[in-house]
Protein backbone atom coordinates (compact mmCIF):
# COMPACT_ATOMS: atom_id res chain seq x y z
CA UNK A 1 -10.04 0.04 -11.86
CA UNK A 2 -7.06 2.33 -12.04
CA UNK A 3 -3.49 1.62 -10.95
CA UNK A 4 -1.36 4.55 -9.84
CA UNK A 5 2.36 4.73 -9.48
CA UNK A 6 3.50 6.99 -6.67
CA UNK A 7 4.51 9.92 -8.92
CA UNK A 8 1.12 9.97 -10.64
CA UNK A 9 -0.61 9.89 -7.25
CA UNK A 10 1.41 12.94 -6.20
CA UNK A 11 0.44 14.74 -9.39
CA UNK A 12 -3.23 13.99 -8.74
CA UNK A 13 -2.89 15.40 -5.24
CA UNK A 14 -1.16 18.52 -6.55
CA UNK A 15 -3.82 19.28 -9.12
CA UNK A 16 -6.71 18.45 -6.78
CA UNK A 17 -7.92 15.56 -8.87
CA UNK A 18 -8.10 13.23 -5.90
CA UNK A 19 -11.43 14.78 -4.92
CA UNK A 20 -12.84 13.49 -8.21
CA UNK A 21 -11.96 9.90 -7.35
CA UNK A 22 -12.78 10.08 -3.62
CA UNK A 23 -16.08 8.26 -4.14
CA UNK A 24 -14.09 5.18 -5.09
CA UNK A 25 -12.05 2.84 -2.88
CA UNK A 26 -8.45 4.03 -2.82
CA UNK A 27 -6.14 1.18 -1.87
CA UNK A 28 -2.47 0.79 -1.16
CA UNK A 29 -0.45 -2.17 -2.31
CA UNK A 30 3.12 -3.00 -1.33
CA UNK A 31 5.40 -5.87 -2.26
CA UNK A 32 7.72 -6.68 0.63
CA UNK A 33 10.48 -9.01 1.68
CA UNK A 34 12.39 -8.86 4.96
CA UNK A 35 11.10 -5.39 5.86
CA UNK A 36 10.59 -5.89 9.60
CA UNK A 37 12.51 -2.72 10.45
CA UNK A 38 10.17 -0.45 8.43
CA UNK A 39 6.86 -2.22 7.82
CA UNK A 40 5.11 -1.04 11.00
CA UNK A 41 6.06 2.60 10.36
CA UNK A 42 4.92 2.18 6.75
CA UNK A 43 1.53 0.85 7.84
CA UNK A 44 1.15 3.51 10.54
CA UNK A 45 1.92 6.26 8.02
CA UNK A 46 -0.84 4.98 5.77
CA UNK A 47 -3.42 4.06 8.40
CA UNK A 48 -5.88 6.79 7.41
CA UNK A 49 -4.69 7.60 3.92
CA UNK A 50 -6.20 4.58 2.15
CA UNK A 51 -9.38 2.53 2.43
CA UNK A 52 -7.44 -0.71 2.31
CA UNK A 53 -3.83 -1.92 2.42
CA UNK A 54 -2.68 -5.12 0.73
CA UNK A 55 0.79 -6.43 1.52
CA UNK A 56 2.29 -9.07 -0.78
CA UNK A 57 5.19 -10.87 0.87
CA UNK A 58 7.70 -12.58 -1.41
CA UNK A 59 9.33 -14.88 1.15
CA UNK A 60 10.39 -12.89 4.20
CA UNK A 61 12.66 -14.73 6.61
CA UNK A 62 12.18 -12.15 9.36
CA UNK A 63 9.09 -10.94 11.27
CA UNK A 64 7.64 -8.83 8.44
CA UNK A 65 4.50 -10.94 8.01
CA UNK A 66 3.83 -11.22 11.76
CA UNK A 67 4.23 -7.48 12.26
CA UNK A 68 1.86 -6.66 9.40
CA UNK A 69 -0.78 -9.18 10.50
CA UNK A 70 -0.63 -7.90 14.10
CA UNK A 71 -0.93 -4.35 12.84
CA UNK A 72 -4.03 -5.10 10.80
CA UNK A 73 -5.65 -6.89 13.75
CA UNK A 74 -4.78 -4.36 16.46
CA UNK A 75 -5.58 -1.20 14.48
CA UNK A 76 -8.68 -2.59 12.83
CA UNK A 77 -7.12 -1.59 9.52
CA UNK A 78 -8.82 -3.01 6.48
CA UNK A 79 -5.98 -4.98 4.96
CA UNK A 80 -4.31 -8.32 4.60
CA UNK A 81 -1.04 -10.09 3.86
CA UNK A 82 -0.74 -12.25 0.76
CA UNK A 83 2.08 -14.63 -0.11
CA UNK A 84 3.79 -14.91 -3.47
CA UNK A 85 6.96 -17.00 -3.76
CA UNK A 86 9.83 -15.02 -5.28
CA UNK A 87 10.60 -16.34 -8.77
CA UNK A 88 13.05 -13.60 -9.73
CA UNK A 89 10.34 -11.67 -11.60
CA UNK A 90 9.08 -8.45 -10.04
CA UNK A 91 6.47 -8.07 -12.79
CA UNK A 92 4.77 -11.32 -11.82
CA UNK A 93 4.81 -10.34 -8.15
CA UNK A 94 3.24 -6.98 -9.01
CA UNK A 95 0.59 -8.62 -11.19
CA UNK A 96 -0.26 -10.97 -8.30
CA UNK A 97 -0.47 -8.02 -5.88
CA UNK A 98 -2.73 -6.16 -8.31
CA UNK A 99 -5.03 -9.19 -8.65
CA UNK A 100 -5.32 -9.46 -4.86
CA UNK A 101 -6.26 -5.78 -4.56
CA UNK A 102 -8.85 -6.17 -7.32
CA UNK A 103 -10.32 -9.20 -5.54
CA UNK A 104 -10.68 -7.03 -2.44
CA UNK A 105 -12.80 -4.46 -4.28
CA UNK A 106 -10.23 -1.75 -4.86
CA UNK A 107 -11.14 0.83 -7.51
CA UNK A 108 -7.85 2.73 -7.45
CA UNK A 109 -4.54 1.22 -6.39
CA UNK A 110 -1.36 3.02 -5.37
CA UNK A 111 1.88 1.03 -5.21
CA UNK A 112 4.47 2.21 -2.66
CA UNK A 113 7.65 0.69 -1.30
CA UNK A 114 7.60 -0.18 2.39
CA UNK A 115 10.73 1.88 2.99
CA UNK A 116 9.14 5.04 1.56
CA UNK A 117 8.41 7.60 4.23
CA UNK A 118 5.82 10.32 3.77
CA UNK A 119 3.32 12.38 5.73
CA UNK A 120 -0.32 12.28 4.75
CA UNK A 121 -2.96 14.76 5.82
CA UNK A 122 -6.12 13.28 4.39
CA UNK A 123 -8.31 16.24 5.34
CA UNK A 124 -6.31 18.60 3.16
CA UNK A 125 -5.38 15.80 0.74
CA UNK A 126 -1.70 16.65 0.99
CA UNK A 127 1.17 14.18 0.73
CA UNK A 128 4.73 15.21 1.50
CA UNK A 129 7.19 12.60 0.32
CA UNK A 130 10.74 11.88 1.42
CA UNK A 131 12.96 8.84 1.13
């Protein structure tokens, strides 16, 4: 199992190394809290780019969780929402998110922020990133 940060994922795309790992399950993981304004766009952007999406919510008070769960159900996206109470430790939240992705059979995991915006063309394996 390999964990990728976004910059490393971009480098792999640039050098064409993603084809080497395409036989494995490429999964997306995001840690969110009160992201209702961007979470649907985030999920839509990644609908075909990853085999699975795991969202770890750290205590949203808005509709973030409902939006993500509805998205997974209506788009038949392989993904789920997990809950981790915020204890003022991002490292523990990330470890929890990583464990959940591992439990779901992910071989390679990319962590992105829900407010990151990018365009993915999976056929040409190109990712154009912008914030």
